[in-house]
Amino acid sequence: MNAGADESDADLPETDVIRPSLLHNGFMALGCAIMAGAMFRAGSQSIEGATYLGIFLSLGATMFLVSHLPGSTGVWLDRDGFLIRDLYSSRRYEWSEVGIFDVRRKMLGRGIDFAYRPLDADRPEARSLPRGIGSSVWAVAKTMNDWRARATGE
């Protein structure tokens, strides 16, 4: 039985990366840019603070596109766990410390949540993967659950 587990383990790639979706972030950036253009065009004469709102929306569009710079956003998977980077902030999780990855309804669309329980904690904490990664939240959740199942033997 142990030999069968070793054979399937040999098929497991050493690492995998889930990158942000250019389609998702591109549409979000385009929406911010269109709204920023409308605010700049309206000007402060017709809407109070329109210029400031336009600047804010322009920065939002820029941040959506910055997430595609190399190494800034994504999920890096390996046999021991995974690393989540969201605009250069990173957090490492071990497979033994996380629960099942669930697709949950959020305020705007869907996201992927999981339970995180460090070995020294009493209760698990709810954590989320970055929004806009991968092509489909269902495919990303399946990939994460497959990696977790292989690593923990479930």
C-alpha atoms as a PDB file:
ATOM      1  CA  MET A   1       0.000   0.000   0.000  1.00  0.00           C
ATOM      2  CA  ASN A   2       2.890   2.292   0.696  1.00  0.00           C
ATOM      3  CA  ALA A   3       4.386   1.636  -2.751  1.00  0.00           C
ATOM      4  CA  GLY A   4       1.151   2.781  -4.421  1.00  0.00           C
ATOM      5  CA  ALA A   5       1.277   6.041  -2.520  1.00  0.00           C
ATOM      6  CA  ASP A   6       4.875   6.581  -3.647  1.00  0.00           C
ATOM      7  CA  GLU A   7       3.932   5.995  -7.303  1.00  0.00           C
ATOM      8  CA  SER A   8       1.100   8.550  -7.206  1.00  0.00           C
ATOM      9  CA  ASP A   9       3.377  10.940  -5.328  1.00  0.00           C
ATOM     10  CA  ALA A  10       5.868  10.740  -8.190  1.00  0.00           C
ATOM     11  CA  ASP A  11       3.185  12.124 -10.551  1.00  0.00           C
ATOM     12  CA  LEU A  12       2.710  15.166  -8.315  1.00  0.00           C
ATOM     13  CA  PRO A  13       4.593  18.154  -9.712  1.00  0.00           C
ATOM     14  CA  GLU A  14       7.114  19.758  -7.399  1.00  0.00           C
ATOM     15  CA  THR A  15       5.450  23.184  -7.608  1.00  0.00           C
ATOM     16  CA  ASP A  16       2.535  24.973  -9.236  1.00  0.00           C
ATOM     17  CA  VAL A  17       1.524  28.624  -9.503  1.00  0.00           C
ATOM     18  CA  ILE A  18      -1.944  30.153  -9.714  1.00  0.00           C
ATOM     19  CA  ARG A  19      -1.653  33.636 -11.185  1.00  0.00           C
ATOM     20  CA  PRO A  20      -4.166  36.502 -11.270  1.00  0.00           C
ATOM     21  CA  SER A  21      -6.764  36.562 -14.021  1.00  0.00           C
ATOM     22  CA  LEU A  22      -6.000  39.230 -16.611  1.00  0.00           C
ATOM     23  CA  LEU A  23      -9.613  39.106 -17.776  1.00  0.00           C
ATOM     24  CA  HIS A  24     -11.026  39.788 -14.290  1.00  0.00           C
ATOM     25  CA  ASN A  25      -8.519  42.466 -13.346  1.00  0.00           C
ATOM     26  CA  GLY A  26      -8.621  44.011 -16.829  1.00  0.00           C
ATOM     27  CA  PHE A  27     -12.385  44.500 -16.631  1.00  0.00           C
ATOM     28  CA  MET A  28     -12.105  45.924 -13.122  1.00  0.00           C
ATOM     29  CA  ALA A  29      -9.353  48.334 -14.222  1.00  0.00           C
ATOM     30  CA  LEU A  30     -11.359  49.326 -17.296  1.00  0.00           C
ATOM     31  CA  GLY A  31     -14.416  50.032 -15.137  1.00  0.00           C
ATOM     32  CA  CYS A  32     -12.345  52.190 -12.780  1.00  0.00           C
ATOM     33  CA  ALA A  33     -10.772  54.048 -15.713  1.00  0.00           C
ATOM     34  CA  ILE A  34     -14.171  54.769 -17.307  1.00  0.00           C
ATOM     35  CA  MET A  35     -15.580  56.051 -14.025  1.00  0.00           C
ATOM     36  CA  ALA A  36     -12.429  58.133 -13.408  1.00  0.00           C
ATOM     37  CA  GLY A  37     -12.795  59.681 -16.863  1.00  0.00           C
ATOM     38  CA  ALA A  38     -16.404  60.563 -16.087  1.00  0.00           C
ATOM     39  CA  MET A  39     -15.384  62.184 -12.802  1.00  0.00           C
ATOM     40  CA  PHE A  40     -12.599  64.212 -14.429  1.00  0.00           C
ATOM     41  CA  ARG A  41     -14.994  65.309 -17.163  1.00  0.00           C
ATOM     42  CA  ALA A  42     -17.683  66.329 -14.671  1.00  0.00           C
ATOM     43  CA  GLY A  43     -15.201  68.465 -12.781  1.00  0.00           C
ATOM     44  CA  SER A  44     -15.561  70.056  -9.401  1.00  0.00           C
ATOM     45  CA  GLN A  45     -18.071  72.620 -10.694  1.00  0.00           C
ATOM     46  CA  SER A  46     -20.902  70.116 -11.089  1.00  0.00           C
ATOM     47  CA  ILE A  47     -19.975  67.466  -8.499  1.00  0.00           C
ATOM     48  CA  GLU A  48     -18.149  68.364  -5.316  1.00  0.00           C
ATOM     49  CA  GLY A  49     -15.006  66.258  -4.932  1.00  0.00           C
ATOM     50  CA  ALA A  50     -15.238  64.749  -8.437  1.00  0.00           C
ATOM     51  CA  THR A  51     -11.549  65.377  -9.086  1.00  0.00           C
ATOM     52  CA  TYR A  52     -10.544  63.565  -5.893  1.00  0.00           C
ATOM     53  CA  LEU A  53     -12.823  60.658  -6.735  1.00  0.00           C
ATOM     54  CA  GLY A  54     -11.313  60.538 -10.234  1.00  0.00           C
ATOM     55  CA  ILE A  55      -7.797  60.379  -8.765  1.00  0.00           C
ATOM     56  CA  PHE A  56      -8.877  57.617  -6.391  1.00  0.00           C
ATOM     57  CA  LEU A  57     -10.427  55.594  -9.231  1.00  0.00           C
ATOM     58  CA  SER A  58      -7.298  56.079 -11.366  1.00  0.00           C
ATOM     59  CA  LEU A  59      -5.179  54.688  -8.537  1.00  0.00           C
ATOM     60  CA  GLY A  60      -7.594  51.754  -8.231  1.00  0.00           C
ATOM     61  CA  ALA A  61      -7.230  50.957 -11.938  1.00  0.00           C
ATOM     62  CA  THR A  62      -3.455  51.105 -11.565  1.00  0.00           C
ATOM     63  CA  MET A  63      -3.500  48.721  -8.596  1.00  0.00           C
ATOM     64  CA  PHE A  64      -5.549  46.161 -10.539  1.00  0.00           C
ATOM     65  CA  LEU A  65      -2.880  46.188 -13.243  1.00  0.00           C
ATOM     66  CA  VAL A  66       0.053  46.199 -10.792  1.00  0.00           C
ATOM     67  CA  SER A  67      -1.148  42.823  -9.515  1.00  0.00           C
ATOM     68  CA  HIS A  68       0.154  41.333 -12.785  1.00  0.00           C
ATOM     69  CA  LEU A  69       3.763  42.367 -12.230  1.00  0.00           C
ATOM     70  CA  PRO A  70       6.049  39.358 -11.690  1.00  0.00           C
ATOM     71  CA  GLY A  71       5.830  37.960  -8.162  1.00  0.00           C
ATOM     72  CA  SER A  72       3.309  40.492  -6.866  1.00  0.00           C
ATOM     73  CA  THR A  73       0.106  38.420  -6.638  1.00  0.00           C
ATOM     74  CA  GLY A  74      -0.668  34.707  -6.801  1.00  0.00           C
ATOM     75  CA  VAL A  75      -0.576  31.394  -4.990  1.00  0.00           C
ATOM     76  CA  TRP A  76       2.604  29.285  -5.113  1.00  0.00           C
ATOM     77  CA  LEU A  77       1.950  25.613  -4.273  1.00  0.00           C
ATOM     78  CA  ASP A  78       4.444  22.950  -3.219  1.00  0.00           C
ATOM     79  CA  ARG A  79       4.387  19.627  -1.402  1.00  0.00           C
ATOM     80  CA  ASP A  80       4.655  21.196   2.067  1.00  0.00           C
ATOM     81  CA  GLY A  81       2.146  24.025   1.724  1.00  0.00           C
ATOM     82  CA  PHE A  82       1.455  27.186  -0.200  1.00  0.00           C
ATOM     83  CA  LEU A  83       2.456  30.832  -0.254  1.00  0.00           C
ATOM     84  CA  ILE A  84      -0.118  33.561  -0.865  1.00  0.00           C
ATOM     85  CA  ARG A  85       1.119  36.869  -2.212  1.00  0.00           C
ATOM     86  CA  ASP A  86      -1.259  39.788  -2.541  1.00  0.00           C
ATOM     87  CA  LEU A  87       0.512  42.900  -3.816  1.00  0.00           C
ATOM     88  CA  TYR A  88       3.842  41.959  -2.269  1.00  0.00           C
ATOM     89  CA  SER A  89       2.527  40.968   1.161  1.00  0.00           C
ATOM     90  CA  SER A  90       3.021  37.260   1.629  1.00  0.00           C
ATOM     91  CA  ARG A  91       1.880  34.558   4.002  1.00  0.00           C
ATOM     92  CA  ARG A  92       2.929  30.898   4.104  1.00  0.00           C
ATOM     93  CA  TYR A  93       0.552  28.082   5.114  1.00  0.00           C
ATOM     94  CA  GLU A  94       1.317  24.415   5.703  1.00  0.00           C
ATOM     95  CA  TRP A  95      -1.145  21.833   4.367  1.00  0.00           C
ATOM     96  CA  SER A  96      -1.582  20.336   7.835  1.00  0.00           C
ATOM     97  CA  GLU A  97      -2.796  23.714   9.157  1.00  0.00           C
ATOM     98  CA  VAL A  98      -5.562  24.392   6.618  1.00  0.00           C
ATOM     99  CA  GLY A  99      -9.026  22.983   6.047  1.00  0.00           C
ATOM    100  CA  ILE A 100     -11.087  22.462   2.912  1.00  0.00           C
ATOM    101  CA  PHE A 101     -11.218  25.302   0.376  1.00  0.00           C
ATOM    102  CA  ASP A 102     -14.816  26.457  -0.126  1.00  0.00           C
ATOM    103  CA  VAL A 103     -16.307  28.805  -2.703  1.00  0.00           C
ATOM    104  CA  ARG A 104     -18.351  31.415  -0.852  1.00  0.00           C
ATOM    105  CA  ARG A 105     -20.591  34.214  -2.008  1.00  0.00           C
ATOM    106  CA  LYS A 106     -19.056  37.626  -1.304  1.00  0.00           C
ATOM    107  CA  MET A 107     -20.423  41.132  -1.640  1.00  0.00           C
ATOM    108  CA  LEU A 108     -19.133  41.342  -5.228  1.00  0.00           C
ATOM    109  CA  GLY A 109     -19.037  37.855  -6.744  1.00  0.00           C
ATOM    110  CA  ARG A 110     -17.481  34.783  -5.219  1.00  0.00           C
ATOM    111  CA  GLY A 111     -14.317  34.078  -3.276  1.00  0.00           C
ATOM    112  CA  ILE A 112     -12.444  31.111  -1.837  1.00  0.00           C
ATOM    113  CA  ASP A 113     -12.304  30.716   1.944  1.00  0.00           C
ATOM    114  CA  PHE A 114     -10.495  28.163   4.072  1.00  0.00           C
ATOM    115  CA  ALA A 115     -10.055  27.431   7.748  1.00  0.00           C
ATOM    116  CA  TYR A 116      -6.574  28.064   9.129  1.00  0.00           C
ATOM    117  CA  ARG A 117      -5.585  26.494  12.425  1.00  0.00           C
ATOM    118  CA  PRO A 118      -1.980  26.851  13.526  1.00  0.00           C
ATOM    119  CA  LEU A 119      -0.681  24.004  15.645  1.00  0.00           C
ATOM    120  CA  ASP A 120      -0.581  26.206  18.760  1.00  0.00           C
ATOM    121  CA  ALA A 121      -4.112  27.682  18.408  1.00  0.00           C
ATOM    122  CA  ASP A 122      -7.346  26.503  19.991  1.00  0.00           C
ATOM    123  CA  ARG A 123      -9.773  27.575  17.268  1.00  0.00           C
ATOM    124  CA  PRO A 124      -9.468  27.881  13.502  1.00  0.00           C
ATOM    125  CA  GLU A 125      -9.538  31.264  11.784  1.00  0.00           C
ATOM    126  CA  ALA A 126     -11.296  32.021   8.493  1.00  0.00           C
ATOM    127  CA  ARG A 127      -8.898  33.071   5.726  1.00  0.00           C
ATOM    128  CA  SER A 128      -9.392  33.865   2.031  1.00  0.00           C
ATOM    129  CA  LEU A 129      -7.396  33.529  -1.144  1.00  0.00           C
ATOM    130  CA  PRO A 130      -6.803  36.771  -3.076  1.00  0.00           C
ATOM    131  CA  ARG A 131      -9.697  37.826  -5.313  1.00  0.00           C
ATOM    132  CA  GLY A 132      -9.241  37.558  -9.048  1.00  0.00           C
ATOM    133  CA  ILE A 133      -6.733  34.700  -9.151  1.00  0.00           C
ATOM    134  CA  GLY A 134      -7.142  31.930 -11.693  1.00  0.00           C
ATOM    135  CA  SER A 135      -9.726  31.661 -14.410  1.00  0.00           C
ATOM    136  CA  SER A 136     -12.534  30.180 -12.295  1.00  0.00           C
ATOM    137  CA  VAL A 137     -13.051  30.123  -8.531  1.00  0.00           C
ATOM    138  CA  TRP A 138     -14.357  26.549  -8.825  1.00  0.00           C
ATOM    139  CA  ALA A 139     -11.216  25.396 -10.677  1.00  0.00           C
ATOM    140  CA  VAL A 140      -8.919  27.133  -8.178  1.00  0.00           C
ATOM    141  CA  ALA A 141     -10.789  25.629  -5.206  1.00  0.00           C
ATOM    142  CA  LYS A 142     -10.559  22.161  -6.808  1.00  0.00           C
ATOM    143  CA  THR A 143      -6.828  22.589  -7.446  1.00  0.00           C
ATOM    144  CA  MET A 144      -6.200  23.697  -3.870  1.00  0.00           C
ATOM    145  CA  ASN A 145      -8.279  20.823  -2.457  1.00  0.00           C
ATOM    146  CA  ASP A 146      -6.451  18.311  -4.693  1.00  0.00           C
ATOM    147  CA  TRP A 147      -3.045  19.536  -3.479  1.00  0.00           C
ATOM    148  CA  ARG A 148      -4.249  19.446   0.132  1.00  0.00           C
ATOM    149  CA  ALA A 149      -5.645  15.922  -0.239  1.00  0.00           C
ATOM    150  CA  ARG A 150      -2.394  14.618  -1.726  1.00  0.00           C
ATOM    151  CA  ALA A 151      -0.276  16.251   0.969  1.00  0.00           C
ATOM    152  CA  THR A 152      -2.404  15.159   3.929  1.00  0.00           C
ATOM    153  CA  GLY A 153      -3.400  11.757   2.545  1.00  0.00           C
ATOM    154  CA  GLU A 154      -7.145  12.415   2.733  1.00  0.00           C
END
